[in-house]
Amino acid sequence: GWSRGTIGAAVSVNLALYGLTAPFAAALMDRFGIRRVVAAALIVIALG
């Protein structure tokens, strides 16, 4: 029974974080390497 605006708000949080995390992820890849960052990201996606 959630409104479409409420569901859209959750999607908007997802989309906003998708973008706001990107520059920090690029810097993390310079610090820890591409493999470690991407593998951890996939695990977080699966958990969520």
ModelCIF file with pLDDT and N, C-alpha, C, O atoms, coordinates in Angstrom:
data_MODEL
#
_entry.id   MODEL 
#
_entity.id                         1 
_entity.type                       polymer 
_entity.pdbx_number_of_molecules   1 
#
_entity_poly.entity_id                      1 
_entity_poly.type                           'polypeptide(L)' 
_entity_poly.nstd_linkage                   no 
_entity_poly.nstd_monomer                   no 
_entity_poly.pdbx_seq_one_letter_code       GWSRGTIGAAVSVNLALYGLTAPFAAALMDRFGIRRVVAAALIVIALG 
_entity_poly.pdbx_seq_one_letter_code_can   GWSRGTIGAAVSVNLALYGLTAPFAAALMDRFGIRRVVAAALIVIALG 
_entity_poly.pdbx_strand_id                 A 
#
loop_
_entity_poly_seq.entity_id 
_entity_poly_seq.num 
_entity_poly_seq.mon_id 
_entity_poly_seq.hetero 
1 1  GLY n 
1 2  TRP n 
1 3  SER n 
1 4  ARG n 
1 5  GLY n 
1 6  THR n 
1 7  ILE n 
1 8  GLY n 
1 9  ALA n 
1 10 ALA n 
1 11 VAL n 
1 12 SER n 
1 13 VAL n 
1 14 ASN n 
1 15 LEU n 
1 16 ALA n 
1 17 LEU n 
1 18 TYR n 
1 19 GLY n 
1 20 LEU n 
1 21 THR n 
1 22 ALA n 
1 23 PRO n 
1 24 PHE n 
1 25 ALA n 
1 26 ALA n 
1 27 ALA n 
1 28 LEU n 
1 29 MET n 
1 30 ASP n 
1 31 ARG n 
1 32 PHE n 
1 33 GLY n 
1 34 ILE n 
1 35 ARG n 
1 36 ARG n 
1 37 VAL n 
1 38 VAL n 
1 39 ALA n 
1 40 ALA n 
1 41 ALA n 
1 42 LEU n 
1 43 ILE n 
1 44 VAL n 
1 45 ILE n 
1 46 ALA n 
1 47 LEU n 
1 48 GLY n 
#
_struct_asym.id          A 
_struct_asym.entity_id   1 
#
loop_
_ma_qa_metric.id 
_ma_qa_metric.mode 
_ma_qa_metric.name 
_ma_qa_metric.software_group_id 
_ma_qa_metric.type 
1 global pLDDT . pLDDT 
2 local  pLDDT . pLDDT 
#
_ma_qa_metric_global.metric_id      1 
_ma_qa_metric_global.metric_value   80.46 
_ma_qa_metric_global.model_id       1 
_ma_qa_metric_global.ordinal_id     1 
#
loop_
_ma_qa_metric_local.label_asym_id 
_ma_qa_metric_local.label_comp_id 
_ma_qa_metric_local.label_seq_id 
_ma_qa_metric_local.metric_id 
_ma_qa_metric_local.metric_value 
_ma_qa_metric_local.model_id 
_ma_qa_metric_local.ordinal_id 
A GLY 1  2 82.00 1 1  
A TRP 2  2 83.00 1 2  
A SER 3  2 81.00 1 3  
A ARG 4  2 75.00 1 4  
A GLY 5  2 77.00 1 5  
A THR 6  2 81.00 1 6  
A ILE 7  2 81.00 1 7  
A GLY 8  2 76.00 1 8  
A ALA 9  2 80.00 1 9  
A ALA 10 2 80.00 1 10 
A VAL 11 2 77.00 1 11 
A SER 12 2 77.00 1 12 
A VAL 13 2 81.00 1 13 
A ASN 14 2 78.00 1 14 
A LEU 15 2 73.00 1 15 
A ALA 16 2 76.00 1 16 
A LEU 17 2 79.00 1 17 
A TYR 18 2 74.00 1 18 
A GLY 19 2 72.00 1 19 
A LEU 20 2 78.00 1 20 
A THR 21 2 79.00 1 21 
A ALA 22 2 71.00 1 22 
A PRO 23 2 74.00 1 23 
A PHE 24 2 78.00 1 24 
A ALA 25 2 78.00 1 25 
A ALA 26 2 72.00 1 26 
A ALA 27 2 74.00 1 27 
A LEU 28 2 80.00 1 28 
A MET 29 2 81.00 1 29 
A ASP 30 2 75.00 1 30 
A ARG 31 2 79.00 1 31 
A PHE 32 2 81.00 1 32 
A GLY 33 2 81.00 1 33 
A ILE 34 2 82.00 1 34 
A ARG 35 2 83.00 1 35 
A ARG 36 2 87.00 1 36 
A VAL 37 2 87.00 1 37 
A VAL 38 2 86.00 1 38 
A ALA 39 2 87.00 1 39 
A ALA 40 2 89.00 1 40 
A ALA 41 2 87.00 1 41 
A LEU 42 2 87.00 1 42 
A ILE 43 2 89.00 1 43 
A VAL 44 2 89.00 1 44 
A ILE 45 2 86.00 1 45 
A ALA 46 2 86.00 1 46 
A LEU 47 2 88.00 1 47 
A GLY 48 2 85.00 1 48 
#
loop_
_atom_site.group_PDB 
_atom_site.id 
_atom_site.type_symbol 
_atom_site.label_atom_id 
_atom_site.label_alt_id 
_atom_site.label_comp_id 
_atom_site.label_asym_id 
_atom_site.label_entity_id 
_atom_site.label_seq_id 
_atom_site.pdbx_PDB_ins_code 
_atom_site.Cartn_x 
_atom_site.Cartn_y 
_atom_site.Cartn_z 
_atom_site.occupancy 
_atom_site.B_iso_or_equiv 
_atom_site.pdbx_formal_charge 
_atom_site.auth_seq_id 
_atom_site.auth_comp_id 
_atom_site.auth_asym_id 
_atom_site.auth_atom_id 
_atom_site.pdbx_PDB_model_num 
ATOM 1   N N  . GLY A 1 1  ? 0.791  -1.216 0.000  1.00 82.00 ? 1  GLY A N  1 
ATOM 2   C CA . GLY A 1 1  ? 0.000  0.000  0.000  1.00 82.00 ? 1  GLY A CA 1 
ATOM 3   C C  . GLY A 1 1  ? 0.826  1.269  0.000  1.00 82.00 ? 1  GLY A C  1 
ATOM 4   O O  . GLY A 1 1  ? 0.284  2.350  0.230  1.00 82.00 ? 1  GLY A O  1 
ATOM 5   N N  . TRP A 1 2  ? 2.144  1.169  -0.256 1.00 83.00 ? 2  TRP A N  1 
ATOM 6   C CA . TRP A 1 2  ? 2.994  2.353  -0.306 1.00 83.00 ? 2  TRP A CA 1 
ATOM 7   C C  . TRP A 1 2  ? 2.672  3.158  -1.552 1.00 83.00 ? 2  TRP A C  1 
ATOM 8   O O  . TRP A 1 2  ? 2.384  2.586  -2.603 1.00 83.00 ? 2  TRP A O  1 
ATOM 9   N N  . SER A 1 3  ? 2.718  4.473  -1.448 1.00 81.00 ? 3  SER A N  1 
ATOM 10  C CA . SER A 1 3  ? 2.464  5.319  -2.611 1.00 81.00 ? 3  SER A CA 1 
ATOM 11  C C  . SER A 1 3  ? 3.631  5.196  -3.594 1.00 81.00 ? 3  SER A C  1 
ATOM 12  O O  . SER A 1 3  ? 4.740  4.804  -3.231 1.00 81.00 ? 3  SER A O  1 
ATOM 13  N N  . ARG A 1 4  ? 3.346  5.539  -4.836 1.00 75.00 ? 4  ARG A N  1 
ATOM 14  C CA . ARG A 1 4  ? 4.407  5.508  -5.849 1.00 75.00 ? 4  ARG A CA 1 
ATOM 15  C C  . ARG A 1 4  ? 5.479  6.544  -5.540 1.00 75.00 ? 4  ARG A C  1 
ATOM 16  O O  . ARG A 1 4  ? 6.647  6.353  -5.878 1.00 75.00 ? 4  ARG A O  1 
ATOM 17  N N  . GLY A 1 5  ? 5.081  7.650  -4.894 1.00 77.00 ? 5  GLY A N  1 
ATOM 18  C CA . GLY A 1 5  ? 6.084  8.631  -4.482 1.00 77.00 ? 5  GLY A CA 1 
ATOM 19  C C  . GLY A 1 5  ? 7.042  8.080  -3.457 1.00 77.00 ? 5  GLY A C  1 
ATOM 20  O O  . GLY A 1 5  ? 8.237  8.370  -3.510 1.00 77.00 ? 5  GLY A O  1 
ATOM 21  N N  . THR A 1 6  ? 6.528  7.266  -2.496 1.00 81.00 ? 6  THR A N  1 
ATOM 22  C CA . THR A 1 6  ? 7.386  6.650  -1.482 1.00 81.00 ? 6  THR A CA 1 
ATOM 23  C C  . THR A 1 6  ? 8.360  5.667  -2.120 1.00 81.00 ? 6  THR A C  1 
ATOM 24  O O  . THR A 1 6  ? 9.550  5.663  -1.805 1.00 81.00 ? 6  THR A O  1 
ATOM 25  N N  . ILE A 1 7  ? 7.840  4.833  -3.023 1.00 81.00 ? 7  ILE A N  1 
ATOM 26  C CA . ILE A 1 7  ? 8.708  3.865  -3.710 1.00 81.00 ? 7  ILE A CA 1 
ATOM 27  C C  . ILE A 1 7  ? 9.717  4.600  -4.584 1.00 81.00 ? 7  ILE A C  1 
ATOM 28  O O  . ILE A 1 7  ? 10.890 4.231  -4.648 1.00 81.00 ? 7  ILE A O  1 
ATOM 29  N N  . GLY A 1 8  ? 9.242  5.648  -5.257 1.00 76.00 ? 8  GLY A N  1 
ATOM 30  C CA . GLY A 1 8  ? 10.149 6.442  -6.079 1.00 76.00 ? 8  GLY A CA 1 
ATOM 31  C C  . GLY A 1 8  ? 11.236 7.112  -5.258 1.00 76.00 ? 8  GLY A C  1 
ATOM 32  O O  . GLY A 1 8  ? 12.349 7.313  -5.744 1.00 76.00 ? 8  GLY A O  1 
ATOM 33  N N  . ALA A 1 9  ? 10.918 7.464  -4.003 1.00 80.00 ? 9  ALA A N  1 
ATOM 34  C CA . ALA A 1 9  ? 11.929 8.068  -3.135 1.00 80.00 ? 9  ALA A CA 1 
ATOM 35  C C  . ALA A 1 9  ? 13.050 7.084  -2.833 1.00 80.00 ? 9  ALA A C  1 
ATOM 36  O O  . ALA A 1 9  ? 14.221 7.464  -2.814 1.00 80.00 ? 9  ALA A O  1 
ATOM 37  N N  . ALA A 1 10 ? 12.700 5.811  -2.595 1.00 80.00 ? 10 ALA A N  1 
ATOM 38  C CA . ALA A 1 10 ? 13.722 4.796  -2.352 1.00 80.00 ? 10 ALA A CA 1 
ATOM 39  C C  . ALA A 1 10 ? 14.594 4.607  -3.587 1.00 80.00 ? 10 ALA A C  1 
ATOM 40  O O  . ALA A 1 10 ? 15.814 4.483  -3.482 1.00 80.00 ? 10 ALA A O  1 
ATOM 41  N N  . VAL A 1 11 ? 13.960 4.586  -4.760 1.00 77.00 ? 11 VAL A N  1 
ATOM 42  C CA . VAL A 1 11 ? 14.724 4.469  -6.002 1.00 77.00 ? 11 VAL A CA 1 
ATOM 43  C C  . VAL A 1 11 ? 15.624 5.690  -6.183 1.00 77.00 ? 11 VAL A C  1 
ATOM 44  O O  . VAL A 1 11 ? 16.752 5.569  -6.661 1.00 77.00 ? 11 VAL A O  1 
ATOM 45  N N  . SER A 1 12 ? 15.118 6.874  -5.796 1.00 77.00 ? 12 SER A N  1 
ATOM 46  C CA . SER A 1 12 ? 15.923 8.087  -5.954 1.00 77.00 ? 12 SER A CA 1 
ATOM 47  C C  . SER A 1 12 ? 17.145 8.069  -5.033 1.00 77.00 ? 12 SER A C  1 
ATOM 48  O O  . SER A 1 12 ? 18.213 8.542  -5.421 1.00 77.00 ? 12 SER A O  1 
ATOM 49  N N  . VAL A 1 13 ? 17.002 7.528  -3.815 1.00 81.00 ? 13 VAL A N  1 
ATOM 50  C CA . VAL A 1 13 ? 18.162 7.377  -2.923 1.00 81.00 ? 13 VAL A CA 1 
ATOM 51  C C  . VAL A 1 13 ? 19.198 6.459  -3.568 1.00 81.00 ? 13 VAL A C  1 
ATOM 52  O O  . VAL A 1 13 ? 20.395 6.744  -3.545 1.00 81.00 ? 13 VAL A O  1 
ATOM 53  N N  . ASN A 1 14 ? 18.723 5.362  -4.138 1.00 78.00 ? 14 ASN A N  1 
ATOM 54  C CA . ASN A 1 14 ? 19.604 4.431  -4.833 1.00 78.00 ? 14 ASN A CA 1 
ATOM 55  C C  . ASN A 1 14 ? 20.360 5.127  -5.958 1.00 78.00 ? 14 ASN A C  1 
ATOM 56  O O  . ASN A 1 14 ? 21.579 4.997  -6.070 1.00 78.00 ? 14 ASN A O  1 
ATOM 57  N N  . LEU A 1 15 ? 19.628 5.866  -6.791 1.00 73.00 ? 15 LEU A N  1 
ATOM 58  C CA . LEU A 1 15 ? 20.244 6.530  -7.940 1.00 73.00 ? 15 LEU A CA 1 
ATOM 59  C C  . LEU A 1 15 ? 21.210 7.620  -7.501 1.00 73.00 ? 15 LEU A C  1 
ATOM 60  O O  . LEU A 1 15 ? 22.272 7.786  -8.101 1.00 73.00 ? 15 LEU A O  1 
ATOM 61  N N  . ALA A 1 16 ? 20.849 8.371  -6.452 1.00 76.00 ? 16 ALA A N  1 
ATOM 62  C CA . ALA A 1 16 ? 21.738 9.431  -5.981 1.00 76.00 ? 16 ALA A CA 1 
ATOM 63  C C  . ALA A 1 16 ? 23.039 8.857  -5.424 1.00 76.00 ? 16 ALA A C  1 
ATOM 64  O O  . ALA A 1 16 ? 24.121 9.358  -5.730 1.00 76.00 ? 16 ALA A O  1 
ATOM 65  N N  . LEU A 1 17 ? 22.937 7.805  -4.605 1.00 79.00 ? 17 LEU A N  1 
ATOM 66  C CA . LEU A 1 17 ? 24.142 7.190  -4.052 1.00 79.00 ? 17 LEU A CA 1 
ATOM 67  C C  . LEU A 1 17 ? 24.975 6.522  -5.142 1.00 79.00 ? 17 LEU A C  1 
ATOM 68  O O  . LEU A 1 17 ? 26.203 6.493  -5.065 1.00 79.00 ? 17 LEU A O  1 
ATOM 69  N N  . TYR A 1 18 ? 24.301 5.988  -6.154 1.00 74.00 ? 18 TYR A N  1 
ATOM 70  C CA . TYR A 1 18 ? 25.013 5.408  -7.303 1.00 74.00 ? 18 TYR A CA 1 
ATOM 71  C C  . TYR A 1 18 ? 25.991 6.428  -7.882 1.00 74.00 ? 18 TYR A C  1 
ATOM 72  O O  . TYR A 1 18 ? 27.117 6.089  -8.247 1.00 74.00 ? 18 TYR A O  1 
ATOM 73  N N  . GLY A 1 19 ? 25.543 7.684  -7.959 1.00 72.00 ? 19 GLY A N  1 
ATOM 74  C CA . GLY A 1 19 ? 26.416 8.714  -8.500 1.00 72.00 ? 19 GLY A CA 1 
ATOM 75  C C  . GLY A 1 19 ? 27.382 9.290  -7.493 1.00 72.00 ? 19 GLY A C  1 
ATOM 76  O O  . GLY A 1 19 ? 28.553 9.497  -7.811 1.00 72.00 ? 19 GLY A O  1 
ATOM 77  N N  . LEU A 1 20 ? 26.914 9.558  -6.269 1.00 78.00 ? 20 LEU A N  1 
ATOM 78  C CA . LEU A 1 20 ? 27.760 10.221 -5.279 1.00 78.00 ? 20 LEU A CA 1 
ATOM 79  C C  . LEU A 1 20 ? 28.890 9.329  -4.787 1.00 78.00 ? 20 LEU A C  1 
ATOM 80  O O  . LEU A 1 20 ? 29.923 9.824  -4.336 1.00 78.00 ? 20 LEU A O  1 
ATOM 81  N N  . THR A 1 21 ? 28.699 8.008  -4.873 1.00 79.00 ? 21 THR A N  1 
ATOM 82  C CA . THR A 1 21 ? 29.757 7.087  -4.448 1.00 79.00 ? 21 THR A CA 1 
ATOM 83  C C  . THR A 1 21 ? 30.859 6.969  -5.489 1.00 79.00 ? 21 THR A C  1 
ATOM 84  O O  . THR A 1 21 ? 32.001 6.654  -5.153 1.00 79.00 ? 21 THR A O  1 
ATOM 85  N N  . ALA A 1 22 ? 30.526 7.222  -6.758 1.00 71.00 ? 22 ALA A N  1 
ATOM 86  C CA . ALA A 1 22 ? 31.452 6.948  -7.859 1.00 71.00 ? 22 ALA A CA 1 
ATOM 87  C C  . ALA A 1 22 ? 32.813 7.635  -7.718 1.00 71.00 ? 22 ALA A C  1 
ATOM 88  O O  . ALA A 1 22 ? 33.834 6.962  -7.862 1.00 71.00 ? 22 ALA A O  1 
ATOM 89  N N  . PRO A 1 23 ? 32.876 8.946  -7.443 1.00 74.00 ? 23 PRO A N  1 
ATOM 90  C CA . PRO A 1 23 ? 34.219 9.555  -7.361 1.00 74.00 ? 23 PRO A CA 1 
ATOM 91  C C  . PRO A 1 23 ? 35.060 9.009  -6.221 1.00 74.00 ? 23 PRO A C  1 
ATOM 92  O O  . PRO A 1 23 ? 36.278 8.892  -6.358 1.00 74.00 ? 23 PRO A O  1 
ATOM 93  N N  . PHE A 1 24 ? 34.431 8.670  -5.091 1.00 78.00 ? 24 PHE A N  1 
ATOM 94  C CA . PHE A 1 24 ? 35.177 8.077  -3.985 1.00 78.00 ? 24 PHE A CA 1 
ATOM 95  C C  . PHE A 1 24 ? 35.644 6.664  -4.343 1.00 78.00 ? 24 PHE A C  1 
ATOM 96  O O  . PHE A 1 24 ? 36.732 6.240  -3.954 1.00 78.00 ? 24 PHE A O  1 
ATOM 97  N N  . ALA A 1 25 ? 34.793 5.934  -5.098 1.00 78.00 ? 25 ALA A N  1 
ATOM 98  C CA . ALA A 1 25 ? 35.190 4.594  -5.534 1.00 78.00 ? 25 ALA A CA 1 
ATOM 99  C C  . ALA A 1 25 ? 36.383 4.662  -6.471 1.00 78.00 ? 25 ALA A C  1 
ATOM 100 O O  . ALA A 1 25 ? 37.285 3.828  -6.391 1.00 78.00 ? 25 ALA A O  1 
ATOM 101 N N  . ALA A 1 26 ? 36.396 5.663  -7.371 1.00 72.00 ? 26 ALA A N  1 
ATOM 102 C CA . ALA A 1 26 ? 37.543 5.817  -8.269 1.00 72.00 ? 26 ALA A CA 1 
ATOM 103 C C  . ALA A 1 26 ? 38.816 6.080  -7.475 1.00 72.00 ? 26 ALA A C  1 
ATOM 104 O O  . ALA A 1 26 ? 39.876 5.545  -7.800 1.00 72.00 ? 26 ALA A O  1 
ATOM 105 N N  . ALA A 1 27 ? 38.714 6.915  -6.420 1.00 74.00 ? 27 ALA A N  1 
ATOM 106 C CA . ALA A 1 27 ? 39.883 7.166  -5.575 1.00 74.00 ? 27 ALA A CA 1 
ATOM 107 C C  . ALA A 1 27 ? 40.274 5.921  -4.783 1.00 74.00 ? 27 ALA A C  1 
ATOM 108 O O  . ALA A 1 27 ? 41.462 5.655  -4.598 1.00 74.00 ? 27 ALA A O  1 
ATOM 109 N N  . LEU A 1 28 ? 39.279 5.149  -4.311 1.00 80.00 ? 28 LEU A N  1 
ATOM 110 C CA . LEU A 1 28 ? 39.576 3.905  -3.602 1.00 80.00 ? 28 LEU A CA 1 
ATOM 111 C C  . LEU A 1 28 ? 40.282 2.903  -4.504 1.00 80.00 ? 28 LEU A C  1 
ATOM 112 O O  . LEU A 1 28 ? 41.131 2.140  -4.043 1.00 80.00 ? 28 LEU A O  1 
ATOM 113 N N  . MET A 1 29 ? 39.935 2.902  -5.794 1.00 81.00 ? 29 MET A N  1 
ATOM 114 C CA . MET A 1 29 ? 40.621 2.003  -6.732 1.00 81.00 ? 29 MET A CA 1 
ATOM 115 C C  . MET A 1 29 ? 42.087 2.376  -6.870 1.00 81.00 ? 29 MET A C  1 
ATOM 116 O O  . MET A 1 29 ? 42.938 1.506  -7.054 1.00 81.00 ? 29 MET A O  1 
ATOM 117 N N  . ASP A 1 30 ? 42.389 3.679  -6.780 1.00 75.00 ? 30 ASP A N  1 
ATOM 118 C CA . ASP A 1 30 ? 43.786 4.105  -6.797 1.00 75.00 ? 30 ASP A CA 1 
ATOM 119 C C  . ASP A 1 30 ? 44.514 3.693  -5.522 1.00 75.00 ? 30 ASP A C  1 
ATOM 120 O O  . ASP A 1 30 ? 45.728 3.494  -5.535 1.00 75.00 ? 30 ASP A O  1 
ATOM 121 N N  . ARG A 1 31 ? 43.772 3.564  -4.416 1.00 79.00 ? 31 ARG A N  1 
ATOM 122 C CA . ARG A 1 31 ? 44.388 3.225  -3.130 1.00 79.00 ? 31 ARG A CA 1 
ATOM 123 C C  . ARG A 1 31 ? 44.506 1.712  -2.921 1.00 79.00 ? 31 ARG A C  1 
ATOM 124 O O  . ARG A 1 31 ? 45.565 1.218  -2.536 1.00 79.00 ? 31 ARG A O  1 
ATOM 125 N N  . PHE A 1 32 ? 43.419 0.982  -3.174 1.00 81.00 ? 32 PHE A N  1 
ATOM 126 C CA . PHE A 1 32 ? 43.380 -0.446 -2.849 1.00 81.00 ? 32 PHE A CA 1 
ATOM 127 C C  . PHE A 1 32 ? 43.354 -1.361 -4.077 1.00 81.00 ? 32 PHE A C  1 
ATOM 128 O O  . PHE A 1 32 ? 43.497 -2.575 -3.935 1.00 81.00 ? 32 PHE A O  1 
ATOM 129 N N  . GLY A 1 33 ? 43.179 -0.814 -5.252 1.00 81.00 ? 33 GLY A N  1 
ATOM 130 C CA . GLY A 1 33 ? 43.137 -1.629 -6.459 1.00 81.00 ? 33 GLY A CA 1 
ATOM 131 C C  . GLY A 1 33 ? 41.711 -1.878 -6.935 1.00 81.00 ? 33 GLY A C  1 
ATOM 132 O O  . GLY A 1 33 ? 40.763 -1.864 -6.150 1.00 81.00 ? 33 GLY A O  1 
ATOM 133 N N  . ILE A 1 34 ? 41.585 -2.102 -8.223 1.00 82.00 ? 34 ILE A N  1 
ATOM 134 C CA . ILE A 1 34 ? 40.275 -2.290 -8.842 1.00 82.00 ? 34 ILE A CA 1 
ATOM 135 C C  . ILE A 1 34 ? 39.610 -3.556 -8.330 1.00 82.00 ? 34 ILE A C  1 
ATOM 136 O O  . ILE A 1 34 ? 38.423 -3.548 -8.003 1.00 82.00 ? 34 ILE A O  1 
ATOM 137 N N  . ARG A 1 35 ? 40.371 -4.649 -8.258 1.00 83.00 ? 35 ARG A N  1 
ATOM 138 C CA . ARG A 1 35 ? 39.775 -5.950 -7.886 1.00 83.00 ? 35 ARG A CA 1 
ATOM 139 C C  . ARG A 1 35 ? 39.086 -5.896 -6.538 1.00 83.00 ? 35 ARG A C  1 
ATOM 140 O O  . ARG A 1 35 ? 37.938 -6.325 -6.414 1.00 83.00 ? 35 ARG A O  1 
ATOM 141 N N  . ARG A 1 36 ? 39.762 -5.379 -5.531 1.00 87.00 ? 36 ARG A N  1 
ATOM 142 C CA . ARG A 1 36 ? 39.204 -5.390 -4.176 1.00 87.00 ? 36 ARG A CA 1 
ATOM 143 C C  . ARG A 1 36 ? 37.945 -4.529 -4.083 1.00 87.00 ? 36 ARG A C  1 
ATOM 144 O O  . ARG A 1 36 ? 36.959 -4.931 -3.466 1.00 87.00 ? 36 ARG A O  1 
ATOM 145 N N  . VAL A 1 37 ? 37.979 -3.354 -4.690 1.00 87.00 ? 37 VAL A N  1 
ATOM 146 C CA . VAL A 1 37 ? 36.835 -2.453 -4.600 1.00 87.00 ? 37 VAL A CA 1 
ATOM 147 C C  . VAL A 1 37 ? 35.622 -3.034 -5.310 1.00 87.00 ? 37 VAL A C  1 
ATOM 148 O O  . VAL A 1 37 ? 34.514 -2.999 -4.775 1.00 87.00 ? 37 VAL A O  1 
ATOM 149 N N  . VAL A 1 38 ? 35.823 -3.568 -6.509 1.00 86.00 ? 38 VAL A N  1 
ATOM 150 C CA . VAL A 1 38 ? 34.688 -4.093 -7.287 1.00 86.00 ? 38 VAL A CA 1 
ATOM 151 C C  . VAL A 1 38 ? 34.116 -5.348 -6.629 1.00 86.00 ? 38 VAL A C  1 
ATOM 152 O O  . VAL A 1 38 ? 32.897 -5.505 -6.565 1.00 86.00 ? 38 VAL A O  1 
ATOM 153 N N  . ALA A 1 39 ? 34.974 -6.241 -6.140 1.00 87.00 ? 39 ALA A N  1 
ATOM 154 C CA . ALA A 1 39 ? 34.471 -7.449 -5.481 1.00 87.00 ? 39 ALA A CA 1 
ATOM 155 C C  . ALA A 1 39 ? 33.658 -7.094 -4.236 1.00 87.00 ? 39 ALA A C  1 
ATOM 156 O O  . ALA A 1 39 ? 32.595 -7.672 -4.008 1.00 87.00 ? 39 ALA A O  1 
ATOM 157 N N  . ALA A 1 40 ? 34.145 -6.157 -3.436 1.00 89.00 ? 40 ALA A N  1 
ATOM 158 C CA . ALA A 1 40 ? 33.391 -5.734 -2.249 1.00 89.00 ? 40 ALA A CA 1 
ATOM 159 C C  . ALA A 1 40 ? 32.063 -5.102 -2.640 1.00 89.00 ? 40 ALA A C  1 
ATOM 160 O O  . ALA A 1 40 ? 31.053 -5.319 -1.971 1.00 89.00 ? 40 ALA A O  1 
ATOM 161 N N  . ALA A 1 41 ? 32.054 -4.322 -3.718 1.00 87.00 ? 41 ALA A N  1 
ATOM 162 C CA . ALA A 1 41 ? 30.813 -3.674 -4.165 1.00 87.00 ? 41 ALA A CA 1 
ATOM 163 C C  . ALA A 1 41 ? 29.762 -4.702 -4.569 1.00 87.00 ? 41 ALA A C  1 
ATOM 164 O O  . ALA A 1 41 ? 28.584 -4.548 -4.247 1.00 87.00 ? 41 ALA A O  1 
ATOM 165 N N  . LEU A 1 42 ? 30.182 -5.742 -5.267 1.00 87.00 ? 42 LEU A N  1 
ATOM 166 C CA . LEU A 1 42 ? 29.235 -6.785 -5.687 1.00 87.00 ? 42 LEU A CA 1 
ATOM 167 C C  . LEU A 1 42 ? 28.633 -7.506 -4.484 1.00 87.00 ? 42 LEU A C  1 
ATOM 168 O O  . LEU A 1 42 ? 27.450 -7.845 -4.491 1.00 87.00 ? 42 LEU A O  1 
ATOM 169 N N  . ILE A 1 43 ? 29.434 -7.737 -3.464 1.00 89.00 ? 43 ILE A N  1 
ATOM 170 C CA . ILE A 1 43 ? 28.925 -8.397 -2.254 1.00 89.00 ? 43 ILE A CA 1 
ATOM 171 C C  . ILE A 1 43 ? 27.906 -7.507 -1.546 1.00 89.00 ? 43 ILE A C  1 
ATOM 172 O O  . ILE A 1 43 ? 26.889 -8.002 -1.060 1.00 89.00 ? 43 ILE A O  1 
ATOM 173 N N  . VAL A 1 44 ? 28.164 -6.204 -1.482 1.00 89.00 ? 44 VAL A N  1 
ATOM 174 C CA . VAL A 1 44 ? 27.218 -5.270 -0.857 1.00 89.00 ? 44 VAL A CA 1 
ATOM 175 C C  . VAL A 1 44 ? 25.903 -5.238 -1.648 1.00 89.00 ? 44 VAL A C  1 
ATOM 176 O O  . VAL A 1 44 ? 24.825 -5.199 -1.055 1.00 89.00 ? 44 VAL A O  1 
ATOM 177 N N  . ILE A 1 45 ? 25.990 -5.254 -2.967 1.00 86.00 ? 45 ILE A N  1 
ATOM 178 C CA . ILE A 1 45 ? 24.781 -5.293 -3.806 1.00 86.00 ? 45 ILE A CA 1 
ATOM 179 C C  . ILE A 1 45 ? 23.966 -6.543 -3.504 1.00 86.00 ? 45 ILE A C  1 
ATOM 180 O O  . ILE A 1 45 ? 22.750 -6.469 -3.322 1.00 86.00 ? 45 ILE A O  1 
ATOM 181 N N  . ALA A 1 46 ? 24.634 -7.689 -3.450 1.00 86.00 ? 46 ALA A N  1 
ATOM 182 C CA . ALA A 1 46 ? 23.929 -8.948 -3.179 1.00 86.00 ? 46 ALA A CA 1 
ATOM 183 C C  . ALA A 1 46 ? 23.271 -8.911 -1.804 1.00 86.00 ? 46 ALA A C  1 
ATOM 184 O O  . ALA A 1 46 ? 22.147 -9.388 -1.645 1.00 86.00 ? 46 ALA A O  1 
ATOM 185 N N  . LEU A 1 47 ? 23.955 -8.353 -0.814 1.00 88.00 ? 47 LEU A N  1 
ATOM 186 C CA . LEU A 1 47 ? 23.395 -8.265 0.529  1.00 88.00 ? 47 LEU A CA 1 
ATOM 187 C C  . LEU A 1 47 ? 22.148 -7.384 0.548  1.00 88.00 ? 47 LEU A C  1 
ATOM 188 O O  . LEU A 1 47 ? 21.122 -7.766 1.112  1.00 88.00 ? 47 LEU A O  1 
ATOM 189 N N  . GLY A 1 48 ? 22.238 -6.208 -0.066 1.00 85.00 ? 48 GLY A N  1 
ATOM 190 C CA . GLY A 1 48 ? 21.105 -5.297 -0.059 1.00 85.00 ? 48 GLY A CA 1 
ATOM 191 C C  . GLY A 1 48 ? 19.903 -5.856 -0.793 1.00 85.00 ? 48 GLY A C  1 
ATOM 192 O O  . GLY A 1 48 ? 18.867 -5.197 -0.871 1.00 85.00 ? 48 GLY A O  1 
#
